[in-house]
Amino acid sequence: MVPIERITEEMERRLHEAKTARDEGQRREAFAAIRSLAEVALGGRPQSRIPEVKPMPLSGPQPLPGVQPVPQAAPKREEDGANGDSIFDF
């Protein structure tokens, strides 16, 4: 375990960095470090802003009960002027 004195020294150093930062990015980085140090000092686990997502196995499409499957489309027309899957090919 890290001594509390070491954590508070690092927090003070990061606070000084936040006060003297020239841009918003450096300031936000210093504050994020202070937040992490506080979590360590309190003995907690840092909370993630993104919830953990558990993977789900993928499977093929399942037919719905009571619904008839749609018949397959007719083969593409390949004659002169035909446009493949166009709705105007008849």
PDB file of N, CA and C in Angstrom:
ATOM      1  N   MET A   1       0.842  -1.181   0.000  1.00  0.00           N
ATOM      2  CA  MET A   1       0.000   0.000   0.000  1.00  0.00           C
ATOM      3  C   MET A   1       0.886   1.243   0.000  1.00  0.00           C
ATOM      4  N   VAL A   2       0.443   2.258  -0.682  1.00  0.00           N
ATOM      5  CA  VAL A   2       1.188   3.508  -0.792  1.00  0.00           C
ATOM      6  C   VAL A   2       0.899   4.363   0.443  1.00  0.00           C
ATOM      7  N   PRO A   3       1.949   4.920   1.061  1.00  0.00           N
ATOM      8  CA  PRO A   3       1.713   5.773   2.237  1.00  0.00           C
ATOM      9  C   PRO A   3       0.882   6.999   1.870  1.00  0.00           C
ATOM     10  N   ILE A   4      -0.016   7.393   2.761  1.00  0.00           N
ATOM     11  CA  ILE A   4      -0.917   8.514   2.512  1.00  0.00           C
ATOM     12  C   ILE A   4      -0.144   9.809   2.286  1.00  0.00           C
ATOM     13  N   GLU A   5       1.016   9.950   2.941  1.00  0.00           N
ATOM     14  CA  GLU A   5       1.833  11.158   2.752  1.00  0.00           C
ATOM     15  C   GLU A   5       2.309  11.266   1.307  1.00  0.00           C
ATOM     16  N   ARG A   6       2.693  10.144   0.741  1.00  0.00           N
ATOM     17  CA  ARG A   6       3.163  10.136  -0.659  1.00  0.00           C
ATOM     18  C   ARG A   6       2.019  10.515  -1.601  1.00  0.00           C
ATOM     19  N   ILE A   7       0.830  10.021  -1.316  1.00  0.00           N
ATOM     20  CA  ILE A   7      -0.337  10.332  -2.157  1.00  0.00           C
ATOM     21  C   ILE A   7      -0.667  11.820  -2.071  1.00  0.00           C
ATOM     22  N   THR A   8      -0.674  12.374  -0.869  1.00  0.00           N
ATOM     23  CA  THR A   8      -1.016  13.794  -0.724  1.00  0.00           C
ATOM     24  C   THR A   8       0.045  14.691  -1.349  1.00  0.00           C
ATOM     25  N   GLU A   9       1.317  14.293  -1.281  1.00  0.00           N
ATOM     26  CA  GLU A   9       2.370  15.067  -1.950  1.00  0.00           C
ATOM     27  C   GLU A   9       2.138  15.100  -3.458  1.00  0.00           C
ATOM     28  N   GLU A  10       1.793  13.940  -4.010  1.00  0.00           N
ATOM     29  CA  GLU A  10       1.536  13.873  -5.453  1.00  0.00           C
ATOM     30  C   GLU A  10       0.293  14.682  -5.818  1.00  0.00           C
ATOM     31  N   MET A  11      -0.718  14.659  -4.967  1.00  0.00           N
ATOM     32  CA  MET A  11      -1.923  15.456  -5.216  1.00  0.00           C
ATOM     33  C   MET A  11      -1.585  16.949  -5.220  1.00  0.00           C
ATOM     34  N   GLU A  12      -0.757  17.379  -4.271  1.00  0.00           N
ATOM     35  CA  GLU A  12      -0.355  18.784  -4.216  1.00  0.00           C
ATOM     36  C   GLU A  12       0.437  19.176  -5.457  1.00  0.00           C
ATOM     37  N   ARG A  13       1.310  18.270  -5.903  1.00  0.00           N
ATOM     38  CA  ARG A  13       2.087  18.549  -7.121  1.00  0.00           C
ATOM     39  C   ARG A  13       1.164  18.682  -8.334  1.00  0.00           C
ATOM     40  N   ARG A  14       0.194  17.784  -8.432  1.00  0.00           N
ATOM     41  CA  ARG A  14      -0.756  17.832  -9.549  1.00  0.00           C
ATOM     42  C   ARG A  14      -1.666  19.057  -9.466  1.00  0.00           C
ATOM     43  N   LEU A  15      -2.017  19.482  -8.246  1.00  0.00           N
ATOM     44  CA  LEU A  15      -2.821  20.686  -8.080  1.00  0.00           C
ATOM     45  C   LEU A  15      -2.046  21.904  -8.568  1.00  0.00           C
ATOM     46  N   HIS A  16      -0.758  21.959  -8.260  1.00  0.00           N
ATOM     47  CA  HIS A  16       0.082  23.057  -8.739  1.00  0.00           C
ATOM     48  C   HIS A  16       0.130  23.042 -10.268  1.00  0.00           C
ATOM     49  N   GLU A  17       0.237  21.843 -10.863  1.00  0.00           N
ATOM     50  CA  GLU A  17       0.223  21.729 -12.328  1.00  0.00           C
ATOM     51  C   GLU A  17      -1.091  22.260 -12.892  1.00  0.00           C
ATOM     52  N   ALA A  18      -2.204  21.951 -12.238  1.00  0.00           N
ATOM     53  CA  ALA A  18      -3.516  22.410 -12.706  1.00  0.00           C
ATOM     54  C   ALA A  18      -3.614  23.930 -12.634  1.00  0.00           C
ATOM     55  N   LYS A  19      -3.066  24.515 -11.570  1.00  0.00           N
ATOM     56  CA  LYS A  19      -3.126  25.964 -11.404  1.00  0.00           C
ATOM     57  C   LYS A  19      -2.278  26.694 -12.436  1.00  0.00           C
ATOM     58  N   THR A  20      -1.167  26.091 -12.838  1.00  0.00           N
ATOM     59  CA  THR A  20      -0.243  26.758 -13.763  1.00  0.00           C
ATOM     60  C   THR A  20      -0.378  26.270 -15.202  1.00  0.00           C
ATOM     61  N   ALA A  21      -1.351  25.426 -15.470  1.00  0.00           N
ATOM     62  CA  ALA A  21      -1.521  24.882 -16.826  1.00  0.00           C
ATOM     63  C   ALA A  21      -1.842  25.998 -17.809  1.00  0.00           C
ATOM     64  N   ARG A  22      -1.294  25.853 -18.999  1.00  0.00           N
ATOM     65  CA  ARG A  22      -1.499  26.861 -20.043  1.00  0.00           C
ATOM     66  C   ARG A  22      -2.737  26.574 -20.893  1.00  0.00           C
ATOM     67  N   ASP A  23      -3.125  25.333 -20.960  1.00  0.00           N
ATOM     68  CA  ASP A  23      -4.318  25.019 -21.760  1.00  0.00           C
ATOM     69  C   ASP A  23      -5.255  24.083 -20.996  1.00  0.00           C
ATOM     70  N   GLU A  24      -6.442  23.964 -21.507  1.00  0.00           N
ATOM     71  CA  GLU A  24      -7.491  23.180 -20.855  1.00  0.00           C
ATOM     72  C   GLU A  24      -7.128  21.700 -20.778  1.00  0.00           C
ATOM     73  N   GLY A  25      -6.448  21.166 -21.775  1.00  0.00           N
ATOM     74  CA  GLY A  25      -6.077  19.756 -21.784  1.00  0.00           C
ATOM     75  C   GLY A  25      -5.144  19.402 -20.645  1.00  0.00           C
ATOM     76  N   GLN A  26      -4.141  20.237 -20.398  1.00  0.00           N
ATOM     77  CA  GLN A  26      -3.213  19.994 -19.296  1.00  0.00           C
ATOM     78  C   GLN A  26      -3.941  20.088 -17.957  1.00  0.00           C
ATOM     79  N   ARG A  27      -4.852  21.044 -17.848  1.00  0.00           N
ATOM     80  CA  ARG A  27      -5.612  21.221 -16.607  1.00  0.00           C
ATOM     81  C   ARG A  27      -6.489  19.992 -16.335  1.00  0.00           C
ATOM     82  N   ARG A  28      -7.164  19.507 -17.364  1.00  0.00           N
ATOM     83  CA  ARG A  28      -8.036  18.336 -17.205  1.00  0.00           C
ATOM     84  C   ARG A  28      -7.227  17.097 -16.842  1.00  0.00           C
ATOM     85  N   GLU A  29      -6.044  16.967 -17.428  1.00  0.00           N
ATOM     86  CA  GLU A  29      -5.181  15.832 -17.121  1.00  0.00           C
ATOM     87  C   GLU A  29      -4.747  15.864 -15.649  1.00  0.00           C
ATOM     88  N   ALA A  30      -4.403  17.044 -15.155  1.00  0.00           N
ATOM     89  CA  ALA A  30      -3.995  17.176 -13.750  1.00  0.00           C
ATOM     90  C   ALA A  30      -5.160  16.844 -12.824  1.00  0.00           C
ATOM     91  N   PHE A  31      -6.352  17.316 -13.138  1.00  0.00           N
ATOM     92  CA  PHE A  31      -7.514  17.016 -12.303  1.00  0.00           C
ATOM     93  C   PHE A  31      -7.870  15.528 -12.343  1.00  0.00           C
ATOM     94  N   ALA A  32      -7.709  14.905 -13.489  1.00  0.00           N
ATOM     95  CA  ALA A  32      -7.980  13.469 -13.584  1.00  0.00           C
ATOM     96  C   ALA A  32      -6.991  12.691 -12.717  1.00  0.00           C
ATOM     97  N   ALA A  33      -5.738  13.133 -12.686  1.00  0.00           N
ATOM     98  CA  ALA A  33      -4.742  12.480 -11.834  1.00  0.00           C
ATOM     99  C   ALA A  33      -5.106  12.658 -10.358  1.00  0.00           C
ATOM    100  N   ILE A  34      -5.571  13.842  -9.998  1.00  0.00           N
ATOM    101  CA  ILE A  34      -5.983  14.088  -8.608  1.00  0.00           C
ATOM    102  C   ILE A  34      -7.148  13.186  -8.240  1.00  0.00           C
ATOM    103  N   ARG A  35      -8.101  13.026  -9.146  1.00  0.00           N
ATOM    104  CA  ARG A  35      -9.245  12.149  -8.880  1.00  0.00           C
ATOM    105  C   ARG A  35      -8.777  10.705  -8.661  1.00  0.00           C
ATOM    106  N   SER A  36      -7.852  10.242  -9.500  1.00  0.00           N
ATOM    107  CA  SER A  36      -7.339   8.882  -9.355  1.00  0.00           C
ATOM    108  C   SER A  36      -6.592   8.707  -8.043  1.00  0.00           C
ATOM    109  N   LEU A  37      -5.801   9.710  -7.669  1.00  0.00           N
ATOM    110  CA  LEU A  37      -5.073   9.650  -6.403  1.00  0.00           C
ATOM    111  C   LEU A  37      -6.037   9.621  -5.219  1.00  0.00           C
ATOM    112  N   ALA A  38      -7.120  10.360  -5.309  1.00  0.00           N
ATOM    113  CA  ALA A  38      -8.121  10.348  -4.241  1.00  0.00           C
ATOM    114  C   ALA A  38      -8.752   8.962  -4.110  1.00  0.00           C
ATOM    115  N   GLU A  39      -9.028   8.318  -5.233  1.00  0.00           N
ATOM    116  CA  GLU A  39      -9.584   6.966  -5.208  1.00  0.00           C
ATOM    117  C   GLU A  39      -8.616   5.999  -4.533  1.00  0.00           C
ATOM    118  N   VAL A  40      -7.322   6.142  -4.825  1.00  0.00           N
ATOM    119  CA  VAL A  40      -6.326   5.282  -4.199  1.00  0.00           C
ATOM    120  C   VAL A  40      -6.296   5.543  -2.693  1.00  0.00           C
ATOM    121  N   ALA A  41      -6.326   6.814  -2.307  1.00  0.00           N
ATOM    122  CA  ALA A  41      -6.275   7.164  -0.886  1.00  0.00           C
ATOM    123  C   ALA A  41      -7.498   6.644  -0.131  1.00  0.00           C
ATOM    124  N   LEU A  42      -8.641   6.653  -0.786  1.00  0.00           N
ATOM    125  CA  LEU A  42      -9.873   6.188  -0.141  1.00  0.00           C
ATOM    126  C   LEU A  42     -10.027   4.668  -0.193  1.00  0.00           C
ATOM    127  N   GLY A  43      -9.140   4.032  -0.933  1.00  0.00           N
ATOM    128  CA  GLY A  43      -9.191   2.569  -1.001  1.00  0.00           C
ATOM    129  C   GLY A  43     -10.234   2.042  -1.952  1.00  0.00           C
ATOM    130  N   GLY A  44     -10.822   2.914  -2.736  1.00  0.00           N
ATOM    131  CA  GLY A  44     -11.854   2.488  -3.680  1.00  0.00           C
ATOM    132  C   GLY A  44     -11.259   2.141  -5.026  1.00  0.00           C
ATOM    133  N   ARG A  45     -12.104   1.605  -5.838  1.00  0.00           N
ATOM    134  CA  ARG A  45     -11.718   1.286  -7.201  1.00  0.00           C
ATOM    135  C   ARG A  45     -12.223   2.396  -8.103  1.00  0.00           C
ATOM    136  N   PRO A  46     -11.378   2.960  -8.972  1.00  0.00           N
ATOM    137  CA  PRO A  46     -11.860   4.023  -9.871  1.00  0.00           C
ATOM    138  C   PRO A  46     -13.024   3.516 -10.718  1.00  0.00           C
ATOM    139  N   GLN A  47     -14.049   4.347 -10.846  1.00  0.00           N
ATOM    140  CA  GLN A  47     -15.217   3.968 -11.622  1.00  0.00           C
ATOM    141  C   GLN A  47     -15.026   4.396 -13.066  1.00  0.00           C
ATOM    142  N   SER A  48     -15.366   3.513 -13.934  1.00  0.00           N
ATOM    143  CA  SER A  48     -15.286   3.799 -15.357  1.00  0.00           C
ATOM    144  C   SER A  48     -16.561   4.510 -15.789  1.00  0.00           C
ATOM    145  N   ARG A  49     -16.445   5.435 -16.697  1.00  0.00           N
ATOM    146  CA  ARG A  49     -17.636   6.128 -17.215  1.00  0.00           C
ATOM    147  C   ARG A  49     -18.366   5.278 -18.234  1.00  0.00           C
ATOM    148  N   ILE A  50     -17.664   4.314 -18.797  1.00  0.00           N
ATOM    149  CA  ILE A  50     -18.264   3.448 -19.798  1.00  0.00           C
ATOM    150  C   ILE A  50     -18.657   2.143 -19.114  1.00  0.00           C
ATOM    151  N   PRO A  51     -19.928   1.784 -19.138  1.00  0.00           N
ATOM    152  CA  PRO A  51     -20.329   0.541 -18.479  1.00  0.00           C
ATOM    153  C   PRO A  51     -19.722  -0.666 -19.191  1.00  0.00           C
ATOM    154  N   GLU A  52     -19.413  -1.687 -18.405  1.00  0.00           N
ATOM    155  CA  GLU A  52     -18.836  -2.893 -18.969  1.00  0.00           C
ATOM    156  C   GLU A  52     -19.909  -3.634 -19.753  1.00  0.00           C
ATOM    157  N   VAL A  53     -19.560  -4.033 -20.970  1.00  0.00           N
ATOM    158  CA  VAL A  53     -20.495  -4.749 -21.828  1.00  0.00           C
ATOM    159  C   VAL A  53     -20.011  -6.177 -21.949  1.00  0.00           C
ATOM    160  N   LYS A  54     -20.889  -7.112 -21.651  1.00  0.00           N
ATOM    161  CA  LYS A  54     -20.531  -8.517 -21.745  1.00  0.00           C
ATOM    162  C   LYS A  54     -20.859  -9.024 -23.145  1.00  0.00           C
ATOM    163  N   PRO A  55     -19.926  -9.739 -23.766  1.00  0.00           N
ATOM    164  CA  PRO A  55     -20.179 -10.229 -25.128  1.00  0.00           C
ATOM    165  C   PRO A  55     -21.283 -11.275 -25.143  1.00  0.00           C
ATOM    166  N   MET A  56     -22.057 -11.239 -26.203  1.00  0.00           N
ATOM    167  CA  MET A  56     -23.127 -12.211 -26.379  1.00  0.00           C
ATOM    168  C   MET A  56     -22.799 -13.048 -27.609  1.00  0.00           C
ATOM    169  N   PRO A  57     -23.061 -14.339 -27.557  1.00  0.00           N
ATOM    170  CA  PRO A  57     -22.803 -15.165 -28.738  1.00  0.00           C
ATOM    171  C   PRO A  57     -23.739 -14.766 -29.879  1.00  0.00           C
ATOM    172  N   LEU A  58     -23.179 -14.763 -31.066  1.00  0.00           N
ATOM    173  CA  LEU A  58     -23.967 -14.417 -32.246  1.00  0.00           C
ATOM    174  C   LEU A  58     -24.578 -15.676 -32.839  1.00  0.00           C
ATOM    175  N   SER A  59     -25.776 -15.543 -33.323  1.00  0.00           N
ATOM    176  CA  SER A  59     -26.437 -16.657 -33.992  1.00  0.00           C
ATOM    177  C   SER A  59     -27.162 -16.108 -35.208  1.00  0.00           C
ATOM    178  N   GLY A  60     -27.543 -17.004 -36.078  1.00  0.00           N
ATOM    179  CA  GLY A  60     -28.253 -16.604 -37.282  1.00  0.00           C
ATOM    180  C   GLY A  60     -29.644 -16.096 -36.956  1.00  0.00           C
ATOM    181  N   PRO A  61     -30.335 -15.530 -37.932  1.00  0.00           N
ATOM    182  CA  PRO A  61     -31.685 -15.019 -37.682  1.00  0.00           C
ATOM    183  C   PRO A  61     -32.622 -16.158 -37.289  1.00  0.00           C
ATOM    184  N   GLN A  62     -33.416 -15.906 -36.283  1.00  0.00           N
ATOM    185  CA  GLN A  62     -34.373 -16.896 -35.785  1.00  0.00           C
ATOM    186  C   GLN A  62     -35.761 -16.535 -36.310  1.00  0.00           C
ATOM    187  N   PRO A  63     -36.480 -17.503 -36.875  1.00  0.00           N
ATOM    188  CA  PRO A  63     -37.833 -17.197 -37.360  1.00  0.00           C
ATOM    189  C   PRO A  63     -38.764 -16.921 -36.183  1.00  0.00           C
ATOM    190  N   LEU A  64     -39.648 -15.971 -36.368  1.00  0.00           N
ATOM    191  CA  LEU A  64     -40.630 -15.649 -35.339  1.00  0.00           C
ATOM    192  C   LEU A  64     -41.762 -16.668 -35.398  1.00  0.00           C
ATOM    193  N   PRO A  65     -42.277 -17.073 -34.257  1.00  0.00           N
ATOM    194  CA  PRO A  65     -43.379 -18.045 -34.264  1.00  0.00           C
ATOM    195  C   PRO A  65     -44.629 -17.438 -34.906  1.00  0.00           C
ATOM    196  N   GLY A  66     -45.253 -18.202 -35.766  1.00  0.00           N
ATOM    197  CA  GLY A  66     -46.488 -17.770 -36.407  1.00  0.00           C
ATOM    198  C   GLY A  66     -46.283 -16.874 -37.626  1.00  0.00           C
ATOM    199  N   VAL A  67     -45.030 -16.639 -38.022  1.00  0.00           N
ATOM    200  CA  VAL A  67     -44.746 -15.787 -39.182  1.00  0.00           C
ATOM    201  C   VAL A  67     -44.180 -16.660 -40.292  1.00  0.00           C
ATOM    202  N   GLN A  68     -44.755 -16.532 -41.478  1.00  0.00           N
ATOM    203  CA  GLN A  68     -44.302 -17.308 -42.618  1.00  0.00           C
ATOM    204  C   GLN A  68     -43.047 -16.671 -43.213  1.00  0.00           C
ATOM    205  N   PRO A  69     -42.038 -17.485 -43.581  1.00  0.00           N
ATOM    206  CA  PRO A  69     -40.838 -16.918 -44.206  1.00  0.00           C
ATOM    207  C   PRO A  69     -41.149 -16.342 -45.583  1.00  0.00           C
ATOM    208  N   VAL A  70     -40.406 -15.321 -45.969  1.00  0.00           N
ATOM    209  CA  VAL A  70     -40.586 -14.665 -47.266  1.00  0.00           C
ATOM    210  C   VAL A  70     -39.917 -15.525 -48.329  1.00  0.00           C
ATOM    211  N   PRO A  71     -40.624 -15.813 -49.451  1.00  0.00           N
ATOM    212  CA  PRO A  71     -40.005 -16.630 -50.510  1.00  0.00           C
ATOM    213  C   PRO A  71     -38.826 -15.891 -51.143  1.00  0.00           C
ATOM    214  N   GLN A  72     -37.884 -16.651 -51.671  1.00  0.00           N
ATOM    215  CA  GLN A  72     -36.698 -16.071 -52.302  1.00  0.00           C
ATOM    216  C   GLN A  72     -37.096 -15.330 -53.579  1.00  0.00           C
ATOM    217  N   ALA A  73     -36.369 -14.261 -53.882  1.00  0.00           N
ATOM    218  CA  ALA A  73     -36.655 -13.452 -55.073  1.00  0.00           C
ATOM    219  C   ALA A  73     -36.276 -14.227 -56.331  1.00  0.00           C
ATOM    220  N   ALA A  74     -36.876 -13.823 -57.422  1.00  0.00           N
ATOM    221  CA  ALA A  74     -36.573 -14.430 -58.714  1.00  0.00           C
ATOM    222  C   ALA A  74     -35.137 -14.090 -59.104  1.00  0.00           C
ATOM    223  N   PRO A  75     -34.509 -14.912 -59.940  1.00  0.00           N
ATOM    224  CA  PRO A  75     -33.129 -14.631 -60.349  1.00  0.00           C
ATOM    225  C   PRO A  75     -33.024 -13.304 -61.107  1.00  0.00           C
ATOM    226  N   LYS A  76     -31.845 -12.685 -61.033  1.00  0.00           N
ATOM    227  CA  LYS A  76     -31.628 -11.396 -61.702  1.00  0.00           C
ATOM    228  C   LYS A  76     -31.777 -11.539 -63.203  1.00  0.00           C
ATOM    229  N   ARG A  77     -32.309 -10.504 -63.789  1.00  0.00           N
ATOM    230  CA  ARG A  77     -32.438 -10.483 -65.245  1.00  0.00           C
ATOM    231  C   ARG A  77     -31.157  -9.929 -65.817  1.00  0.00           C
ATOM    232  N   GLU A  78     -30.628 -10.621 -66.781  1.00  0.00           N
ATOM    233  CA  GLU A  78     -29.355 -10.218 -67.374  1.00  0.00           C
ATOM    234  C   GLU A  78     -29.509  -9.797 -68.834  1.00  0.00           C
ATOM    235  N   GLU A  79     -30.718  -9.558 -69.286  1.00  0.00           N
ATOM    236  CA  GLU A  79     -30.900  -9.195 -70.686  1.00  0.00           C
ATOM    237  C   GLU A  79     -30.502  -7.749 -70.936  1.00  0.00           C
ATOM    238  N   ASP A  80     -30.430  -7.351 -72.165  1.00  0.00           N
ATOM    239  CA  ASP A  80     -30.000  -6.019 -72.554  1.00  0.00           C
ATOM    240  C   ASP A  80     -30.908  -4.960 -71.933  1.00  0.00           C
ATOM    241  N   GLY A  81     -30.330  -4.028 -71.199  1.00  0.00           N
ATOM    242  CA  GLY A  81     -31.093  -2.970 -70.570  1.00  0.00           C
ATOM    243  C   GLY A  81     -31.566  -3.315 -69.171  1.00  0.00           C
ATOM    244  N   ALA A  82     -31.394  -4.553 -68.754  1.00  0.00           N
ATOM    245  CA  ALA A  82     -31.802  -4.930 -67.391  1.00  0.00           C
ATOM    246  C   ALA A  82     -30.815  -4.325 -66.402  1.00  0.00           C
ATOM    247  N   ASN A  83     -31.300  -4.022 -65.208  1.00  0.00           N
ATOM    248  CA  ASN A  83     -30.477  -3.322 -64.225  1.00  0.00           C
ATOM    249  C   ASN A  83     -30.298  -4.157 -62.957  1.00  0.00           C
ATOM    250  N   GLY A  84     -30.237  -5.463 -63.085  1.00  0.00           N
ATOM    251  CA  GLY A  84     -29.980  -6.314 -61.929  1.00  0.00           C
ATOM    252  C   GLY A  84     -31.146  -6.359 -60.954  1.00  0.00           C
ATOM    253  N   ASP A  85     -30.981  -5.799 -59.757  1.00  0.00           N
ATOM    254  CA  ASP A  85     -31.995  -5.863 -58.716  1.00  0.00           C
ATOM    255  C   ASP A  85     -32.963  -4.672 -58.748  1.00  0.00           C
ATOM    256  N   SER A  86     -33.023  -3.958 -59.826  1.00  0.00           N
ATOM    257  CA  SER A  86     -33.880  -2.797 -59.912  1.00  0.00           C
ATOM    258  C   SER A  86     -35.340  -3.204 -59.789  1.00  0.00           C
ATOM    259  N   ILE A  87     -36.131  -2.336 -59.139  1.00  0.00           N
ATOM    260  CA  ILE A  87     -37.566  -2.623 -59.015  1.00  0.00           C
ATOM    261  C   ILE A  87     -38.281  -2.481 -60.358  1.00  0.00           C
ATOM    262  N   PHE A  88     -37.615  -1.912 -61.353  1.00  0.00           N
ATOM    263  CA  PHE A  88     -38.235  -1.706 -62.647  1.00  0.00           C
ATOM    264  C   PHE A  88     -37.970  -2.875 -63.606  1.00  0.00           C
ATOM    265  N   ASP A  89     -37.241  -3.917 -63.162  1.00  0.00           N
ATOM    266  CA  ASP A  89     -37.016  -5.097 -63.992  1.00  0.00           C
ATOM    267  C   ASP A  89     -38.204  -6.033 -63.823  1.00  0.00           C
ATOM    268  N   PHE A  90     -39.022  -6.133 -64.862  1.00  0.00           N
ATOM    269  CA  PHE A  90     -40.143  -7.056 -64.829  1.00  0.00           C
ATOM    270  C   PHE A  90     -40.426  -7.577 -66.191  1.00  0.00           C
TER     271      PHE A  90
END
